[in-house]
């Protein structure tokens, strides 16, 4: 903080000190060079993003498109995905298609159309999903199964569909957008947590299985994110909130930046924001402490 204040004071006061100006200029040059390097790496890449009509999916589509990739944006709702594509821009390098990933035939259709248009698929992002807020005792099992069909089985089916394409072309990447709720079971969101625990497990196992084929699997676990996700959650009869009132959500754009960096660095997992590593580790070693805190918040 002191360094930032000094820099601001120098700029608005008697003029920048040469050393600080040189540092600032070199840092901006470094960022610019990093951006150029990323654009060079992504140029010509083809990225498919499910659940791309808003929130994290749209932000991921935006950042890949901004860095030179061709992006295929998928959503159940054609009108909404077309609107999202218009917001993303880069119309010559983007496509919008309706796709319900619960149905393998729709995924196969999208893959076929993508290959026809772009000839390859370099990155597949499994982002489609929704929540269910209810207790284990009272949740509707049909709603639970439907959520698993989208959040988990749809993602696995998409992986099975795209892996042969990536094997044939010599490699690729699969990115599963999971959640910190896949590390810490959330009361009154237990079924949603279960879908994310399952996605974490299958993604990390697939990473080992597919490494020899040159296919990298990345799992991204965001914490609280400021999107429309909460408004679209399926609500049951018993709803309680275990989110600390003091915790502010991060932006979808921040998740997208972390996802892009995780892909470029071929990471196993990205937790965003990084401060969420702490509660994850506390739960792993001292689960009773976390459970007691959630119990108090749920009253």
Foldseek 3Di string as FASTA:
>chain_A
DVVVVVQVCQPPDPHHDPVSVVVVVVVVVVVVVVLLVQLVVQALAEEEFEPCLWFLNLLLQLVSVVSHHQYEYEEQDQVSQVVSDVVSDPVVRYHYDYAQLLDLVRLLVVVVVCCVVSVAHAEYELDDAAFEFAAPVFDDVVVLVVRLSRLAVSLVSNCVNRLVRQLVVQEHEYEYEAACLLLPPAGRRNSNSVSRVNVLVVQLVVQVVCVVSHYFGEYEHEYAEPICRVVPHHYTDHGFDLDPPPDDHHYSNQSSVQRSVCVVVSHRYHYPPPVSVVVSVCCVVPVVVVVVSSVVRRD
